């Protein structure tokens, strides 16, 4: 499939004459992205600790568009990661693991490409995607991201509105090189399906945004997503952003994963005063089953309370409080910190609704503003996670990244 993407792009370029190639080439932009990443998870039982240290380099080339009635372009990507830490031959969920040989991979390579067609403010892309949508989202939490194959149309021809229509057929998890069909990570049969189809609309009006998406995981589930965002500036120093989310998911078609019945309601509010931001959120899970989660590391960030823990179990009620501080206009300009606490209870277990999970996170991010170090940033996440139905652990994620655009 990787080769097919590249061949498709080369064929598209070969069809262009010299006049149309000029805009195609002149507007081409490239980016090199370096990421040194360390991950460590220490479990409370002291027997199953996970760790990985790796270096990645990624190259992205995004062409301009041809000067034709229907404009054409090409995007290419190459992502490579090399493990620097000794092999433990365990599943660390960062890089590939061979289930047959029980070996941890030394490196990881992802190649991708997409052809794009544009008319007015409507664009069609076919090939590789890293979507950031309410019903399907890429995972960039570790080293290389989760990627997808398929086609997507985005149109903003209607004022204040963006329409999105897509069909994704395969997924490659953050810890994989190859693509596979969609399935659920928490399903009972782990049946694979041919595609995830979706359609959605975003409508922005002044300080408000309305979003609706419908997703069809063929013969497994249908999912409705609805959200509302309200933004208000009381004055130059005081601002409020409030979000409300709903996911309604139920089995459909041949119901290959059996009964699915999950309703998630969530809200989160962020109040910013100067350099300070205070946040609070709540999520209520209901229905006959837990939230159906796509396999191959496809997170559901729009469930609001989502971090190292997911807080999406059957009947779970969870909340979060957080405090962010931006060190702008101080001697530490470029530094941002986050302290947040999650608590979830009422989780359905074999003995009743008595499951509990909780988490305390501390995050530091620093972007260098000095001219010689521009594009360089550091990040550190430490999470203390506890769960009454599984193992507790302490997790650290540290990364150093550098971005060069040309």
Protein backbone atom coordinates (compact mmCIF):
# COMPACT_ATOMS: atom_id res chain seq x y z
CA UNK A 1 0.00 0.00 0.00
CA UNK A 2 2.90 2.35 0.69
CA UNK A 3 4.26 1.76 -2.82
CA UNK A 4 0.82 2.25 -4.34
CA UNK A 5 0.57 5.68 -2.72
CA UNK A 6 3.92 6.77 -4.12
CA UNK A 7 3.21 5.41 -7.61
CA UNK A 8 -0.14 7.21 -7.63
CA UNK A 9 1.57 10.49 -6.81
CA UNK A 10 4.25 10.05 -9.48
CA UNK A 11 1.63 9.25 -12.11
CA UNK A 12 -0.33 12.37 -11.18
CA UNK A 13 2.79 14.55 -11.49
CA UNK A 14 3.75 12.99 -14.81
CA UNK A 15 0.41 14.11 -16.29
CA UNK A 16 1.23 17.77 -15.70
CA UNK A 17 2.69 19.98 -18.42
CA UNK A 18 5.46 22.49 -17.76
CA UNK A 19 3.08 25.43 -17.34
CA UNK A 20 1.01 23.78 -14.66
CA UNK A 21 4.08 22.33 -12.95
CA UNK A 22 5.37 25.83 -12.17
CA UNK A 23 2.76 26.57 -9.49
CA UNK A 24 2.95 22.97 -8.33
CA UNK A 25 6.67 23.32 -7.59
CA UNK A 26 6.93 26.99 -6.57
CA UNK A 27 4.39 26.62 -3.77
CA UNK A 28 5.85 23.37 -2.47
CA UNK A 29 6.72 23.41 1.24
CA UNK A 30 8.81 20.99 3.23
CA UNK A 31 9.39 20.20 6.87
CA UNK A 32 11.89 18.10 8.81
CA UNK A 33 10.80 17.03 12.26
CA UNK A 34 13.15 15.44 14.81
CA UNK A 35 11.91 13.84 18.03
CA UNK A 36 13.95 12.27 20.81
CA UNK A 37 11.49 10.46 23.06
CA UNK A 38 11.78 8.60 26.36
CA UNK A 39 8.92 6.65 27.90
CA UNK A 40 8.87 4.83 31.23
CA UNK A 41 5.96 3.20 33.07
CA UNK A 42 6.66 1.70 36.51
CA UNK A 43 3.90 -0.61 37.69
CA UNK A 44 3.17 -1.04 41.37
CA UNK A 45 3.90 -4.79 41.23
CA UNK A 46 7.50 -4.06 40.07
CA UNK A 47 7.41 -6.93 37.55
CA UNK A 48 6.05 -5.46 34.31
CA UNK A 49 7.74 -2.09 33.92
CA UNK A 50 7.77 -0.64 30.40
CA UNK A 51 10.35 1.70 28.91
CA UNK A 52 11.55 2.88 25.52
CA UNK A 53 14.03 5.48 24.34
CA UNK A 54 14.09 6.31 20.64
CA UNK A 55 15.05 8.90 18.06
CA UNK A 56 12.83 9.74 15.10
CA UNK A 57 13.19 11.82 11.98
CA UNK A 58 10.25 12.72 9.76
CA UNK A 59 10.16 14.42 6.37
CA UNK A 60 7.04 16.06 4.95
CA UNK A 61 6.74 17.53 1.46
CA UNK A 62 3.49 19.29 0.55
CA UNK A 63 3.27 20.50 -3.03
CA UNK A 64 1.44 23.51 -4.32
CA UNK A 65 -1.45 23.17 -6.76
CA UNK A 66 -1.46 23.12 -10.51
CA UNK A 67 -2.90 26.06 -12.41
CA UNK A 68 -5.79 24.05 -13.87
CA UNK A 69 -9.60 24.26 -13.50
CA UNK A 70 -9.44 21.38 -11.03
CA UNK A 71 -6.19 21.96 -9.17
CA UNK A 72 -3.95 19.00 -8.37
CA UNK A 73 -1.26 18.46 -5.74
CA UNK A 74 0.73 15.85 -3.90
CA UNK A 75 1.74 15.31 -0.26
CA UNK A 76 4.51 12.89 0.71
CA UNK A 77 5.75 11.74 4.11
CA UNK A 78 8.54 9.55 5.46
CA UNK A 79 8.79 8.75 9.18
CA UNK A 80 11.61 6.72 10.73
CA UNK A 81 12.31 5.86 14.38
CA UNK A 82 15.31 4.02 15.85
CA UNK A 83 15.28 2.47 19.32
CA UNK A 84 18.22 3.66 21.43
CA UNK A 85 17.42 1.62 24.53
CA UNK A 86 18.29 -2.09 24.84
CA UNK A 87 15.62 -4.52 23.65
CA UNK A 88 13.52 -6.00 26.45
CA UNK A 89 11.50 -8.06 23.97
CA UNK A 90 8.23 -6.97 25.51
CA UNK A 91 5.23 -5.07 24.19
CA UNK A 92 5.96 -1.46 25.13
CA UNK A 93 3.23 0.06 22.91
CA UNK A 94 5.75 2.52 21.43
CA UNK A 95 7.42 0.55 18.62
CA UNK A 96 6.62 -2.69 16.75
CA UNK A 97 6.69 -6.08 18.47
CA UNK A 98 6.75 -9.40 16.61
CA UNK A 99 4.18 -11.70 18.21
CA UNK A 100 5.62 -14.77 16.45
CA UNK A 101 9.31 -14.27 17.31
CA UNK A 102 8.59 -12.43 20.58
CA UNK A 103 11.08 -9.77 19.57
CA UNK A 104 11.00 -5.99 19.91
CA UNK A 105 11.84 -4.13 16.71
CA UNK A 106 15.03 -2.08 16.49
CA UNK A 107 13.47 0.50 14.21
CA UNK A 108 10.23 1.57 12.56
CA UNK A 109 9.44 3.05 9.14
CA UNK A 110 6.24 4.63 7.85
CA UNK A 111 6.00 5.88 4.25
CA UNK A 112 2.93 7.67 2.97
CA UNK A 113 1.50 9.93 0.36
CA UNK A 114 -1.72 11.52 -0.79
CA UNK A 115 -2.92 13.08 -4.01
CA UNK A 116 -5.14 16.12 -3.62
CA UNK A 117 -7.65 17.80 -5.88
CA UNK A 118 -9.07 21.26 -5.23
CA UNK A 119 -11.90 23.28 -6.73
CA UNK A 120 -12.79 26.62 -5.15
CA UNK A 121 -12.74 25.91 -1.38
CA UNK A 122 -13.41 22.19 -1.69
CA UNK A 123 -10.55 19.67 -1.49
CA UNK A 124 -10.44 15.92 -2.04
CA UNK A 125 -7.50 13.90 -0.71
CA UNK A 126 -6.81 10.22 -1.34
CA UNK A 127 -4.05 8.36 0.47
CA UNK A 128 -2.52 8.76 3.93
CA UNK A 129 -4.18 10.76 6.71
CA UNK A 130 -3.52 11.82 10.29
CA UNK A 131 -7.04 13.09 11.07
CA UNK A 132 -7.98 15.12 14.12
CA UNK A 133 -11.74 14.68 14.05
CA UNK A 134 -14.25 13.94 16.82
CA UNK A 135 -15.00 10.45 15.47
CA UNK A 136 -11.45 9.44 14.45
CA UNK A 137 -8.20 10.93 15.72
CA UNK A 138 -4.49 10.27 15.25
CA UNK A 139 -2.35 9.38 18.27
CA UNK A 140 0.83 11.44 18.70
CA UNK A 141 1.35 10.66 22.39
CA UNK A 142 4.42 8.43 21.93
CA UNK A 143 6.91 8.38 19.02
CA UNK A 144 5.51 7.92 15.49
CA UNK A 145 1.79 8.71 15.03
CA UNK A 146 -1.15 6.51 14.14
CA UNK A 147 -1.89 6.90 10.41
CA UNK A 148 -4.85 5.99 8.19
CA UNK A 149 -5.57 5.19 4.54
CA UNK A 150 -8.64 6.36 2.65
CA UNK A 151 -10.24 9.40 1.11
CA UNK A 152 -11.67 12.63 2.51
CA UNK A 153 -13.43 15.71 1.19
CA UNK A 154 -13.40 19.00 3.08
CA UNK A 155 -15.40 21.97 1.85
CA UNK A 156 -15.70 25.49 3.24
CA UNK A 157 -17.63 26.99 0.32
CA UNK A 158 -20.55 27.77 2.62
CA UNK A 159 -19.94 30.81 4.81
CA UNK A 160 -18.90 29.96 8.40
CA UNK A 161 -19.34 26.25 7.64
CA UNK A 162 -17.01 23.34 6.93
CA UNK A 163 -18.37 20.06 5.57
CA UNK A 164 -16.30 16.88 5.97
CA UNK A 165 -17.01 13.56 4.25
CA UNK A 166 -14.68 10.57 4.38
CA UNK A 167 -14.09 6.87 4.08
CA UNK A 168 -11.08 5.34 5.83
CA UNK A 169 -10.30 1.71 5.06
CA UNK A 170 -7.17 0.88 7.08
CA UNK A 171 -5.19 2.00 10.11
CA UNK A 172 -1.55 1.71 11.15
CA UNK A 173 -1.08 2.12 14.89
CA UNK A 174 1.64 4.22 16.47
CA UNK A 175 3.51 0.98 17.25
CA UNK A 176 3.15 -0.54 13.76
CA UNK A 177 4.48 -0.19 10.23
CA UNK A 178 1.83 -2.06 8.28
CA UNK A 179 -1.85 -1.26 7.81
CA UNK A 180 -4.76 -3.41 8.95
CA UNK A 181 -8.54 -3.27 8.85
CA UNK A 182 -10.53 -1.53 11.56
CA UNK A 183 -11.64 -3.38 14.68
CA UNK A 184 -12.37 -2.58 18.32
CA UNK A 185 -9.72 -2.78 21.02
CA UNK A 186 -12.36 -3.56 23.67
CA UNK A 187 -14.70 -5.69 21.57
CA UNK A 188 -15.74 -9.24 22.40
CA UNK A 189 -15.03 -10.85 19.00
CA UNK A 190 -12.31 -8.52 17.60
CA UNK A 191 -13.97 -8.84 14.19
CA UNK A 192 -12.45 -6.71 11.43
CA UNK A 193 -14.49 -4.47 9.17
CA UNK A 194 -13.91 -2.92 5.76
CA UNK A 195 -14.23 0.78 6.50
CA UNK A 196 -15.09 3.69 8.74
CA UNK A 197 -17.41 6.08 6.89
CA UNK A 198 -18.26 9.53 8.22
CA UNK A 199 -19.86 12.87 7.46
CA UNK A 200 -19.81 16.01 9.57
CA UNK A 201 -20.35 19.74 9.69
CA UNK A 202 -18.73 22.57 11.66
CA UNK A 203 -20.54 25.88 11.97
CA UNK A 204 -18.83 28.91 13.52
CA UNK A 205 -20.78 32.00 14.41
CA UNK A 206 -19.03 34.80 16.27
CA UNK A 207 -17.93 33.27 19.61
CA UNK A 208 -19.75 29.97 19.14
CA UNK A 209 -19.15 26.70 17.33
CA UNK A 210 -21.58 23.86 16.61
CA UNK A 211 -20.32 20.48 15.40
CA UNK A 212 -22.11 17.34 14.29
CA UNK A 213 -20.55 14.13 12.97
CA UNK A 214 -21.99 10.77 12.03
CA UNK A 215 -19.73 7.72 11.78
CA UNK A 216 -20.47 4.24 10.47
CA UNK A 217 -18.01 1.50 11.39
CA UNK A 218 -19.41 -0.93 8.88
CA UNK A 219 -21.49 -3.73 10.46
CA UNK A 220 -20.23 -2.84 13.93
CA UNK A 221 -21.59 0.53 15.09
CA UNK A 222 -23.17 3.85 14.20
CA UNK A 223 -22.07 6.90 16.17
CA UNK A 224 -23.50 10.40 16.53
CA UNK A 225 -21.31 13.21 17.87
CA UNK A 226 -22.69 16.61 18.81
CA UNK A 227 -20.80 19.49 20.43
CA UNK A 228 -21.20 23.13 21.31
CA UNK A 229 -18.40 25.57 22.16
CA UNK A 230 -18.90 29.02 23.67
CA UNK A 231 -16.11 31.60 23.94
CA UNK A 232 -16.44 34.89 25.76
CA UNK A 233 -13.95 37.65 26.55
CA UNK A 234 -15.01 39.62 29.62
CA UNK A 235 -12.07 41.98 29.07
CA UNK A 236 -8.49 41.88 27.81
CA UNK A 237 -7.34 39.71 30.72
CA UNK A 238 -10.36 37.50 31.47
CA UNK A 239 -11.68 34.88 29.00
CA UNK A 240 -13.97 31.86 29.24
CA UNK A 241 -14.25 28.82 26.96
CA UNK A 242 -16.96 26.22 27.59
CA UNK A 243 -17.40 22.94 25.70
CA UNK A 244 -20.26 20.44 25.73
CA UNK A 245 -19.96 17.02 24.06
CA UNK A 246 -22.23 14.06 23.33
CA UNK A 247 -21.45 10.64 21.83
CA UNK A 248 -24.32 8.25 21.13
CA UNK A 249 -23.06 4.87 19.85
CA UNK A 250 -25.05 1.72 19.06
CA UNK A 251 -24.52 -1.48 17.07
CA UNK A 252 -25.54 -1.51 13.42
CA UNK A 253 -25.71 -3.68 10.30
CA UNK A 254 -24.69 -7.26 11.07
CA UNK A 255 -23.66 -6.24 14.64
CA UNK A 256 -20.37 -8.14 14.31
CA UNK A 257 -19.38 -7.07 17.84
CA UNK A 258 -22.78 -7.85 19.32
CA UNK A 259 -24.74 -5.36 21.37
CA UNK A 260 -23.24 -1.85 21.60
CA UNK A 261 -25.12 0.77 23.60
CA UNK A 262 -23.10 3.70 24.93
CA UNK A 263 -24.02 7.30 25.66
CA UNK A 264 -21.33 9.75 26.77
CA UNK A 265 -22.11 13.27 27.98
CA UNK A 266 -19.24 15.58 28.88
CA UNK A 267 -18.46 19.20 29.56
CA UNK A 268 -15.29 21.15 30.28
CA UNK A 269 -14.83 24.84 31.15
CA UNK A 270 -11.60 26.86 31.01
CA UNK A 271 -11.32 30.32 32.60
CA UNK A 272 -8.19 32.31 31.71
CA UNK A 273 -7.02 35.33 33.68
CA UNK A 274 -3.74 36.77 32.47
CA UNK A 275 -1.19 33.98 32.62
CA UNK A 276 -3.46 31.73 34.71
CA UNK A 277 -6.02 29.21 33.44
CA UNK A 278 -8.41 27.32 35.70
CA UNK A 279 -10.37 24.35 34.38
CA UNK A 280 -13.09 21.93 35.47
CA UNK A 281 -14.82 19.12 33.63
CA UNK A 282 -17.32 16.31 34.10
CA UNK A 283 -18.21 13.19 32.08
CA UNK A 284 -21.13 10.80 32.49
CA UNK A 285 -21.08 7.38 30.81
CA UNK A 286 -24.33 5.40 30.51
CA UNK A 287 -25.78 2.55 28.46
CA UNK A 288 -25.58 -1.23 28.43
CA UNK A 289 -21.92 -1.37 27.32
CA UNK A 290 -18.64 0.52 27.66
CA UNK A 291 -17.60 3.03 25.00
CA UNK A 292 -16.44 1.15 21.85
CA UNK A 293 -12.83 2.14 21.17
CA UNK A 294 -11.08 1.66 17.83
CA UNK A 295 -8.01 -0.59 17.96
CA UNK A 296 -4.46 0.30 16.87
CA UNK A 297 -4.13 3.29 19.16
CA UNK A 298 -6.95 5.55 18.02
CA UNK A 299 -7.65 7.87 20.98
CA UNK A 300 -10.95 9.60 21.69
CA UNK A 301 -9.81 12.99 22.93
CA UNK A 302 -13.27 14.51 22.55
CA UNK A 303 -14.44 12.39 25.47
CA UNK A 304 -13.05 15.31 27.53
CA UNK A 305 -11.63 13.38 30.51
CA UNK A 306 -8.95 11.57 28.52
CA UNK A 307 -5.31 11.34 29.54
CA UNK A 308 -3.16 8.39 30.58
CA UNK A 309 -6.44 6.99 31.91
CA UNK A 310 -9.45 6.99 29.57
CA UNK A 311 -12.42 7.31 31.97
CA UNK A 312 -14.78 5.66 29.46
CA UNK A 313 -15.88 2.50 31.27
CA UNK A 314 -19.50 1.41 31.57
CA UNK A 315 -21.55 3.63 33.94
CA UNK A 316 -18.45 5.64 34.92
CA UNK A 317 -18.82 9.17 36.28
CA UNK A 318 -15.63 11.24 36.15
CA UNK A 319 -14.48 14.79 36.71
CA UNK A 320 -11.29 16.80 36.39
CA UNK A 321 -9.81 19.97 37.77
CA UNK A 322 -6.73 21.66 36.35
CA UNK A 323 -4.50 24.68 36.59
CA UNK A 324 -2.33 25.97 33.75
CA UNK A 325 0.26 28.71 33.92
CA UNK A 326 1.86 30.41 30.92
CA UNK A 327 5.19 32.07 31.75
CA UNK A 328 4.86 34.60 28.92
CA UNK A 329 6.25 38.07 29.63
CA UNK A 330 8.42 36.63 32.42
CA UNK A 331 12.12 35.66 32.41
CA UNK A 332 10.90 32.11 31.52
CA UNK A 333 8.98 33.14 28.40
CA UNK A 334 8.15 30.03 26.34
CA UNK A 335 7.50 27.82 29.38
CA UNK A 336 4.00 26.46 30.09
CA UNK A 337 2.91 24.22 32.95
CA UNK A 338 -0.20 22.13 33.65
CA UNK A 339 -1.34 20.47 36.85
CA UNK A 340 -4.50 18.35 36.56
CA UNK A 341 -6.38 15.76 38.59
CA UNK A 342 -8.90 13.18 37.32
CA UNK A 343 -11.26 11.04 39.37
CA UNK A 344 -13.70 8.44 38.05
CA UNK A 345 -16.02 6.14 40.00
CA UNK A 346 -19.23 4.10 39.65
CA UNK A 347 -17.45 1.82 37.14
CA UNK A 348 -19.40 -1.38 36.53
CA UNK A 349 -17.52 -4.49 37.69
CA UNK A 350 -18.42 -8.11 38.31
CA UNK A 351 -19.48 -7.24 41.87
CA UNK A 352 -21.34 -3.98 41.18
CA UNK A 353 -20.64 -0.34 40.34
CA UNK A 354 -17.64 -0.05 42.61
CA UNK A 355 -14.69 0.52 40.26
CA UNK A 356 -12.53 3.62 40.73
CA UNK A 357 -9.69 5.19 38.72
CA UNK A 358 -7.80 8.40 39.43
CA UNK A 359 -4.81 10.27 38.15
CA UNK A 360 -2.54 13.21 38.95
CA UNK A 361 -0.59 14.76 36.05
CA UNK A 362 2.12 17.38 35.86
CA UNK A 363 3.19 18.72 32.46
CA UNK A 364 5.94 21.13 31.42
CA UNK A 365 6.43 22.43 27.88
CA UNK A 366 9.14 24.83 26.78
CA UNK A 367 9.52 26.37 23.32
CA UNK A 368 12.78 28.21 22.72
CA UNK A 369 12.31 31.71 21.33
CA UNK A 370 15.98 32.55 20.80
CA UNK A 371 16.73 32.92 17.05
CA UNK A 372 19.42 30.23 17.01
CA UNK A 373 17.17 27.75 18.87
CA UNK A 374 13.88 28.57 17.18
CA UNK A 375 11.94 25.40 16.38
CA UNK A 376 13.41 23.51 19.35
CA UNK A 377 11.12 22.48 22.24
CA UNK A 378 11.14 20.28 25.35
CA UNK A 379 8.26 18.46 27.02
CA UNK A 380 7.80 16.40 30.19
CA UNK A 381 4.72 14.57 31.44
CA UNK A 382 4.59 12.72 34.74
CA UNK A 383 1.39 10.84 35.59
CA UNK A 384 0.53 9.01 38.80
CA UNK A 385 -2.32 6.65 37.84
CA UNK A 386 -4.34 4.39 40.15
CA UNK A 387 -7.10 1.91 39.29
CA UNK A 388 -9.04 -0.34 41.68
CA UNK A 389 -9.57 -2.99 38.99
CA UNK A 390 -6.04 -3.16 37.52
CA UNK A 391 -2.44 -2.21 38.25
CA UNK A 392 -1.33 1.21 39.46
CA UNK A 393 1.65 2.85 37.77
CA UNK A 394 3.83 5.95 37.60
CA UNK A 395 4.56 7.15 34.07
CA UNK A 396 7.10 9.58 32.62
CA UNK A 397 7.22 10.86 29.05
CA UNK A 398 10.04 13.18 28.00
CA UNK A 399 10.68 14.53 24.53
CA UNK A 400 12.96 16.96 22.74
CA UNK A 401 11.75 18.05 19.31
CA UNK A 402 13.07 20.22 16.52
CA UNK A 403 11.12 21.48 13.51
CA UNK A 404 12.74 22.93 10.40
CA UNK A 405 10.50 24.35 7.68
CA UNK A 406 11.81 25.04 4.19
